[in-house]
């Protein structure tokens, strides 16, 4: 589930969560249990769902630390 290019990856980790308990946080900053819940119950449709699934895979594989420098302020 790798993005087609680096820009899509950077876009996904910097996407702001638009709803819920963690609204306003960047997807890479979401707690892993929240992403595990989505994985078990279904990701939203569309681009946001694909981005959440990607961030879930990033965290599952321990790559979060490597990508933190790419977060925009």
PDB file of N, CA and C in Angstrom:
ATOM      1  N   UNK A   1       0.839  -1.198   0.000  1.00  0.00           N
ATOM      2  CA  UNK A   1       0.000   0.000   0.000  1.00  0.00           C
ATOM      3  C   UNK A   1       0.875   1.249   0.000  1.00  0.00           C
ATOM      4  N   UNK A   2       1.917   1.257  -0.792  1.00  0.00           N
ATOM      5  CA  UNK A   2       2.781   2.425  -0.888  1.00  0.00           C
ATOM      6  C   UNK A   2       2.190   3.438  -1.855  1.00  0.00           C
ATOM      7  N   UNK A   3       2.351   4.719  -1.556  1.00  0.00           N
ATOM      8  CA  UNK A   3       1.855   5.733  -2.485  1.00  0.00           C
ATOM      9  C   UNK A   3       2.676   5.722  -3.765  1.00  0.00           C
ATOM     10  N   UNK A   4       2.110   6.304  -4.821  1.00  0.00           N
ATOM     11  CA  UNK A   4       2.788   6.324  -6.114  1.00  0.00           C
ATOM     12  C   UNK A   4       4.030   7.194  -6.107  1.00  0.00           C
ATOM     13  N   UNK A   5       4.052   8.194  -5.245  1.00  0.00           N
ATOM     14  CA  UNK A   5       5.225   9.066  -5.214  1.00  0.00           C
ATOM     15  C   UNK A   5       5.418   9.682  -3.837  1.00  0.00           C
ATOM     16  N   UNK A   6       6.556  10.315  -3.690  1.00  0.00           N
ATOM     17  CA  UNK A   6       6.923  10.912  -2.403  1.00  0.00           C
ATOM     18  C   UNK A   6       5.943  12.008  -1.998  1.00  0.00           C
ATOM     19  N   UNK A   7       5.445  12.761  -2.957  1.00  0.00           N
ATOM     20  CA  UNK A   7       4.516  13.851  -2.644  1.00  0.00           C
ATOM     21  C   UNK A   7       3.242  13.315  -1.986  1.00  0.00           C
ATOM     22  N   UNK A   8       2.760  12.158  -2.440  1.00  0.00           N
ATOM     23  CA  UNK A   8       1.556  11.571  -1.844  1.00  0.00           C
ATOM     24  C   UNK A   8       1.812  11.148  -0.400  1.00  0.00           C
ATOM     25  N   UNK A   9       3.003  10.625  -0.139  1.00  0.00           N
ATOM     26  CA  UNK A   9       3.369  10.223   1.219  1.00  0.00           C
ATOM     27  C   UNK A   9       3.420  11.438   2.134  1.00  0.00           C
ATOM     28  N   UNK A  10       4.086  12.488   1.689  1.00  0.00           N
ATOM     29  CA  UNK A  10       4.195  13.719   2.482  1.00  0.00           C
ATOM     30  C   UNK A  10       2.819  14.327   2.705  1.00  0.00           C
ATOM     31  N   UNK A  11       1.989  14.287   1.670  1.00  0.00           N
ATOM     32  CA  UNK A  11       0.618  14.783   1.766  1.00  0.00           C
ATOM     33  C   UNK A  11      -0.177  14.010   2.822  1.00  0.00           C
ATOM     34  N   UNK A  12      -0.042  12.699   2.807  1.00  0.00           N
ATOM     35  CA  UNK A  12      -0.798  11.853   3.740  1.00  0.00           C
ATOM     36  C   UNK A  12      -0.403  12.110   5.187  1.00  0.00           C
ATOM     37  N   UNK A  13       0.889  12.162   5.469  1.00  0.00           N
ATOM     38  CA  UNK A  13       1.295  12.327   6.867  1.00  0.00           C
ATOM     39  C   UNK A  13       0.981  13.723   7.386  1.00  0.00           C
ATOM     40  N   UNK A  14       0.837  14.692   6.483  1.00  0.00           N
ATOM     41  CA  UNK A  14       0.538  16.067   6.876  1.00  0.00           C
ATOM     42  C   UNK A  14      -0.948  16.407   6.804  1.00  0.00           C
ATOM     43  N   UNK A  15      -1.762  15.484   6.326  1.00  0.00           N
ATOM     44  CA  UNK A  15      -3.208  15.707   6.253  1.00  0.00           C
ATOM     45  C   UNK A  15      -3.752  15.898   7.663  1.00  0.00           C
ATOM     46  N   UNK A  16      -4.643  16.849   7.834  1.00  0.00           N
ATOM     47  CA  UNK A  16      -5.258  17.103   9.138  1.00  0.00           C
ATOM     48  C   UNK A  16      -6.517  16.247   9.272  1.00  0.00           C
ATOM     49  N   UNK A  17      -6.649  15.599  10.405  1.00  0.00           N
ATOM     50  CA  UNK A  17      -7.844  14.799  10.677  1.00  0.00           C
ATOM     51  C   UNK A  17      -9.040  15.738  10.773  1.00  0.00           C
ATOM     52  N   UNK A  18     -10.052  15.558   9.917  1.00  0.00           N
ATOM     53  CA  UNK A  18     -11.148  16.529   9.855  1.00  0.00           C
ATOM     54  C   UNK A  18     -12.280  16.311  10.860  1.00  0.00           C
ATOM     55  N   UNK A  19     -12.305  15.179  11.552  1.00  0.00           N
ATOM     56  CA  UNK A  19     -13.437  14.899  12.444  1.00  0.00           C
ATOM     57  C   UNK A  19     -12.993  14.042  13.620  1.00  0.00           C
ATOM     58  N   UNK A  20     -13.893  13.910  14.572  1.00  0.00           N
ATOM     59  CA  UNK A  20     -13.680  13.000  15.687  1.00  0.00           C
ATOM     60  C   UNK A  20     -12.846  13.566  16.819  1.00  0.00           C
ATOM     61  N   UNK A  21     -12.503  12.677  17.711  1.00  0.00           N
ATOM     62  CA  UNK A  21     -11.775  13.024  18.924  1.00  0.00           C
ATOM     63  C   UNK A  21     -10.447  13.719  18.635  1.00  0.00           C
ATOM     64  N   UNK A  22      -9.807  13.361  17.528  1.00  0.00           N
ATOM     65  CA  UNK A  22      -8.491  13.907  17.204  1.00  0.00           C
ATOM     66  C   UNK A  22      -8.531  14.895  16.038  1.00  0.00           C
ATOM     67  N   UNK A  23      -9.670  15.519  15.825  1.00  0.00           N
ATOM     68  CA  UNK A  23      -9.803  16.523  14.764  1.00  0.00           C
ATOM     69  C   UNK A  23      -8.746  17.604  14.949  1.00  0.00           C
ATOM     70  N   UNK A  24      -8.095  17.991  13.862  1.00  0.00           N
ATOM     71  CA  UNK A  24      -7.085  19.030  13.907  1.00  0.00           C
ATOM     72  C   UNK A  24      -5.661  18.499  13.994  1.00  0.00           C
ATOM     73  N   UNK A  25      -5.497  17.220  14.326  1.00  0.00           N
ATOM     74  CA  UNK A  25      -4.152  16.626  14.374  1.00  0.00           C
ATOM     75  C   UNK A  25      -3.750  16.122  13.001  1.00  0.00           C
ATOM     76  N   UNK A  26      -2.465  16.163  12.736  1.00  0.00           N
ATOM     77  CA  UNK A  26      -1.950  15.574  11.506  1.00  0.00           C
ATOM     78  C   UNK A  26      -2.066  14.060  11.634  1.00  0.00           C
ATOM     79  N   UNK A  27      -2.290  13.387  10.505  1.00  0.00           N
ATOM     80  CA  UNK A  27      -2.522  11.951  10.549  1.00  0.00           C
ATOM     81  C   UNK A  27      -1.354  11.195  11.180  1.00  0.00           C
ATOM     82  N   UNK A  28      -0.127  11.617  10.943  1.00  0.00           N
ATOM     83  CA  UNK A  28       1.017  10.931  11.535  1.00  0.00           C
ATOM     84  C   UNK A  28       1.030  11.073  13.056  1.00  0.00           C
ATOM     85  N   UNK A  29       0.341  12.090  13.580  1.00  0.00           N
ATOM     86  CA  UNK A  29       0.312  12.325  15.022  1.00  0.00           C
ATOM     87  C   UNK A  29      -0.845  11.604  15.725  1.00  0.00           C
ATOM     88  N   UNK A  30      -1.658  10.889  14.966  1.00  0.00           N
ATOM     89  CA  UNK A  30      -2.759  10.153  15.577  1.00  0.00           C
ATOM     90  C   UNK A  30      -2.206   8.981  16.381  1.00  0.00           C
ATOM     91  N   UNK A  31      -2.819   8.666  17.519  1.00  0.00           N
ATOM     92  CA  UNK A  31      -2.356   7.526  18.309  1.00  0.00           C
ATOM     93  C   UNK A  31      -2.604   6.211  17.549  1.00  0.00           C
ATOM     94  N   UNK A  32      -1.687   5.295  17.705  1.00  0.00           N
ATOM     95  CA  UNK A  32      -1.803   4.008  16.999  1.00  0.00           C
ATOM     96  C   UNK A  32      -3.102   3.273  17.322  1.00  0.00           C
ATOM     97  N   UNK A  33      -3.557   3.242  18.597  1.00  0.00           N
ATOM     98  CA  UNK A  33      -4.824   2.532  18.873  1.00  0.00           C
ATOM     99  C   UNK A  33      -6.015   3.090  18.079  1.00  0.00           C
ATOM    100  N   UNK A  34      -6.005   4.380  17.789  1.00  0.00           N
ATOM    101  CA  UNK A  34      -7.071   5.000  16.991  1.00  0.00           C
ATOM    102  C   UNK A  34      -7.041   4.435  15.566  1.00  0.00           C
ATOM    103  N   UNK A  35      -5.845   4.302  15.009  1.00  0.00           N
ATOM    104  CA  UNK A  35      -5.700   3.756  13.665  1.00  0.00           C
ATOM    105  C   UNK A  35      -6.019   2.262  13.639  1.00  0.00           C
ATOM    106  N   UNK A  36      -5.681   1.559  14.709  1.00  0.00           N
ATOM    107  CA  UNK A  36      -6.020   0.134  14.814  1.00  0.00           C
ATOM    108  C   UNK A  36      -7.542  -0.022  14.828  1.00  0.00           C
ATOM    109  N   UNK A  37      -8.230   0.878  15.513  1.00  0.00           N
ATOM    110  CA  UNK A  37      -9.692   0.843  15.539  1.00  0.00           C
ATOM    111  C   UNK A  37     -10.249   0.994  14.122  1.00  0.00           C
ATOM    112  N   UNK A  38      -9.731   1.962  13.373  1.00  0.00           N
ATOM    113  CA  UNK A  38     -10.187   2.145  11.988  1.00  0.00           C
ATOM    114  C   UNK A  38      -9.896   0.897  11.162  1.00  0.00           C
ATOM    115  N   UNK A  39      -8.731   0.298  11.362  1.00  0.00           N
ATOM    116  CA  UNK A  39      -8.380  -0.894  10.606  1.00  0.00           C
ATOM    117  C   UNK A  39      -9.367  -2.028  10.890  1.00  0.00           C
ATOM    118  N   UNK A  40      -9.804  -2.139  12.125  1.00  0.00           N
ATOM    119  CA  UNK A  40     -10.747  -3.200  12.507  1.00  0.00           C
ATOM    120  C   UNK A  40     -12.174  -2.908  12.055  1.00  0.00           C
ATOM    121  N   UNK A  41     -12.544  -1.623  12.060  1.00  0.00           N
ATOM    122  CA  UNK A  41     -13.935  -1.241  11.791  1.00  0.00           C
ATOM    123  C   UNK A  41     -14.169  -0.650  10.411  1.00  0.00           C
ATOM    124  N   UNK A  42     -13.108  -0.402   9.687  1.00  0.00           N
ATOM    125  CA  UNK A  42     -13.227   0.138   8.338  1.00  0.00           C
ATOM    126  C   UNK A  42     -12.785   1.583   8.261  1.00  0.00           C
ATOM    127  N   UNK A  43     -11.924   1.845   7.301  1.00  0.00           N
ATOM    128  CA  UNK A  43     -11.483   3.212   7.046  1.00  0.00           C
ATOM    129  C   UNK A  43     -12.564   3.945   6.259  1.00  0.00           C
ATOM    130  N   UNK A  44     -12.637   5.271   6.382  1.00  0.00           N
ATOM    131  CA  UNK A  44     -13.615   6.025   5.590  1.00  0.00           C
ATOM    132  C   UNK A  44     -13.349   5.843   4.096  1.00  0.00           C
ATOM    133  N   UNK A  45     -14.345   6.108   3.301  1.00  0.00           N
ATOM    134  CA  UNK A  45     -14.200   6.040   1.844  1.00  0.00           C
ATOM    135  C   UNK A  45     -13.317   7.184   1.349  1.00  0.00           C
ATOM    136  N   UNK A  46     -12.742   7.013   0.207  1.00  0.00           N
ATOM    137  CA  UNK A  46     -12.039   8.093  -0.485  1.00  0.00           C
ATOM    138  C   UNK A  46     -10.602   8.301  -0.048  1.00  0.00           C
ATOM    139  N   UNK A  47     -10.126   9.490  -0.369  1.00  0.00           N
ATOM    140  CA  UNK A  47      -8.719   9.841  -0.156  1.00  0.00           C
ATOM    141  C   UNK A  47      -8.323   9.761   1.323  1.00  0.00           C
ATOM    142  N   UNK A  48      -9.165  10.277   2.213  1.00  0.00           N
ATOM    143  CA  UNK A  48      -8.847  10.251   3.642  1.00  0.00           C
ATOM    144  C   UNK A  48      -8.677   8.816   4.140  1.00  0.00           C
ATOM    145  N   UNK A  49      -9.544   7.923   3.716  1.00  0.00           N
ATOM    146  CA  UNK A  49      -9.443   6.530   4.117  1.00  0.00           C
ATOM    147  C   UNK A  49      -8.143   5.901   3.655  1.00  0.00           C
ATOM    148  N   UNK A  50      -7.742   6.206   2.427  1.00  0.00           N
ATOM    149  CA  UNK A  50      -6.472   5.678   1.903  1.00  0.00           C
ATOM    150  C   UNK A  50      -5.294   6.241   2.685  1.00  0.00           C
ATOM    151  N   UNK A  51      -5.380   7.522   3.036  1.00  0.00           N
ATOM    152  CA  UNK A  51      -4.309   8.139   3.810  1.00  0.00           C
ATOM    153  C   UNK A  51      -4.229   7.553   5.221  1.00  0.00           C
ATOM    154  N   UNK A  52      -5.374   7.337   5.851  1.00  0.00           N
ATOM    155  CA  UNK A  52      -5.393   6.730   7.180  1.00  0.00           C
ATOM    156  C   UNK A  52      -4.820   5.309   7.137  1.00  0.00           C
ATOM    157  N   UNK A  53      -5.170   4.555   6.102  1.00  0.00           N
ATOM    158  CA  UNK A  53      -4.646   3.193   5.956  1.00  0.00           C
ATOM    159  C   UNK A  53      -3.129   3.222   5.773  1.00  0.00           C
ATOM    160  N   UNK A  54      -2.633   4.188   5.028  1.00  0.00           N
ATOM    161  CA  UNK A  54      -1.192   4.322   4.833  1.00  0.00           C
ATOM    162  C   UNK A  54      -0.495   4.644   6.151  1.00  0.00           C
ATOM    163  N   UNK A  55      -1.043   5.582   6.913  1.00  0.00           N
ATOM    164  CA  UNK A  55      -0.442   5.954   8.193  1.00  0.00           C
ATOM    165  C   UNK A  55      -0.510   4.770   9.170  1.00  0.00           C
ATOM    166  N   UNK A  56      -1.580   3.997   9.108  1.00  0.00           N
ATOM    167  CA  UNK A  56      -1.671   2.778   9.925  1.00  0.00           C
ATOM    168  C   UNK A  56      -0.501   1.845   9.601  1.00  0.00           C
ATOM    169  N   UNK A  57      -0.237   1.630   8.323  1.00  0.00           N
ATOM    170  CA  UNK A  57       0.868   0.754   7.900  1.00  0.00           C
ATOM    171  C   UNK A  57       2.218   1.326   8.333  1.00  0.00           C
ATOM    172  N   UNK A  58       2.367   2.634   8.246  1.00  0.00           N
ATOM    173  CA  UNK A  58       3.610   3.299   8.676  1.00  0.00           C
ATOM    174  C   UNK A  58       3.869   3.014  10.148  1.00  0.00           C
ATOM    175  N   UNK A  59       2.840   3.212  10.969  1.00  0.00           N
ATOM    176  CA  UNK A  59       3.001   3.010  12.412  1.00  0.00           C
ATOM    177  C   UNK A  59       3.177   1.531  12.745  1.00  0.00           C
ATOM    178  N   UNK A  60       2.432   0.675  12.069  1.00  0.00           N
ATOM    179  CA  UNK A  60       2.525  -0.760  12.296  1.00  0.00           C
ATOM    180  C   UNK A  60       3.941  -1.277  12.047  1.00  0.00           C
ATOM    181  N   UNK A  61       4.614  -0.687  11.074  1.00  0.00           N
ATOM    182  CA  UNK A  61       5.959  -1.126  10.694  1.00  0.00           C
ATOM    183  C   UNK A  61       7.073  -0.303  11.334  1.00  0.00           C
ATOM    184  N   UNK A  62       6.712   0.560  12.286  1.00  0.00           N
ATOM    185  CA  UNK A  62       7.719   1.300  13.043  1.00  0.00           C
ATOM    186  C   UNK A  62       8.451   2.372  12.261  1.00  0.00           C
ATOM    187  N   UNK A  63       7.806   2.966  11.269  1.00  0.00           N
ATOM    188  CA  UNK A  63       8.457   3.964  10.414  1.00  0.00           C
ATOM    189  C   UNK A  63       8.122   5.399  10.784  1.00  0.00           C
ATOM    190  N   UNK A  64       7.335   5.579  11.828  1.00  0.00           N
ATOM    191  CA  UNK A  64       6.874   6.911  12.228  1.00  0.00           C
ATOM    192  C   UNK A  64       8.045   7.862  12.494  1.00  0.00           C
ATOM    193  N   UNK A  65       9.025   7.405  13.254  1.00  0.00           N
ATOM    194  CA  UNK A  65      10.167   8.254  13.613  1.00  0.00           C
ATOM    195  C   UNK A  65      10.928   8.747  12.395  1.00  0.00           C
ATOM    196  N   UNK A  66      11.039   7.911  11.394  1.00  0.00           N
ATOM    197  CA  UNK A  66      11.760   8.276  10.180  1.00  0.00           C
ATOM    198  C   UNK A  66      11.023   9.382   9.391  1.00  0.00           C
ATOM    199  N   UNK A  67       9.694   9.423   9.541  1.00  0.00           N
ATOM    200  CA  UNK A  67       8.892  10.377   8.763  1.00  0.00           C
ATOM    201  C   UNK A  67       8.588  11.663   9.523  1.00  0.00           C
ATOM    202  N   UNK A  68       8.782  11.690  10.824  1.00  0.00           N
ATOM    203  CA  UNK A  68       8.486  12.900  11.619  1.00  0.00           C
ATOM    204  C   UNK A  68       9.169  14.152  11.087  1.00  0.00           C
ATOM    205  N   UNK A  69      10.420  14.079  10.597  1.00  0.00           N
ATOM    206  CA  UNK A  69      11.042  15.300  10.064  1.00  0.00           C
ATOM    207  C   UNK A  69      10.313  15.892   8.856  1.00  0.00           C
ATOM    208  N   UNK A  70       9.437  15.110   8.218  1.00  0.00           N
ATOM    209  CA  UNK A  70       8.702  15.593   7.050  1.00  0.00           C
ATOM    210  C   UNK A  70       7.392  16.288   7.392  1.00  0.00           C
ATOM    211  N   UNK A  71       7.051  16.337   8.705  1.00  0.00           N
ATOM    212  CA  UNK A  71       5.837  17.043   9.120  1.00  0.00           C
ATOM    213  C   UNK A  71       6.011  18.542   8.945  1.00  0.00           C
ATOM    214  N   UNK A  72       4.989  19.162   8.392  1.00  0.00           N
ATOM    215  CA  UNK A  72       5.001  20.636   8.250  1.00  0.00           C
ATOM    216  C   UNK A  72       4.432  21.246   9.516  1.00  0.00           C
ATOM    217  N   UNK A  73       4.941  22.418   9.862  1.00  0.00           N
ATOM    218  CA  UNK A  73       4.422  23.064  11.080  1.00  0.00           C
ATOM    219  C   UNK A  73       3.181  23.877  10.809  1.00  0.00           C
TER     220      UNK A  73
END
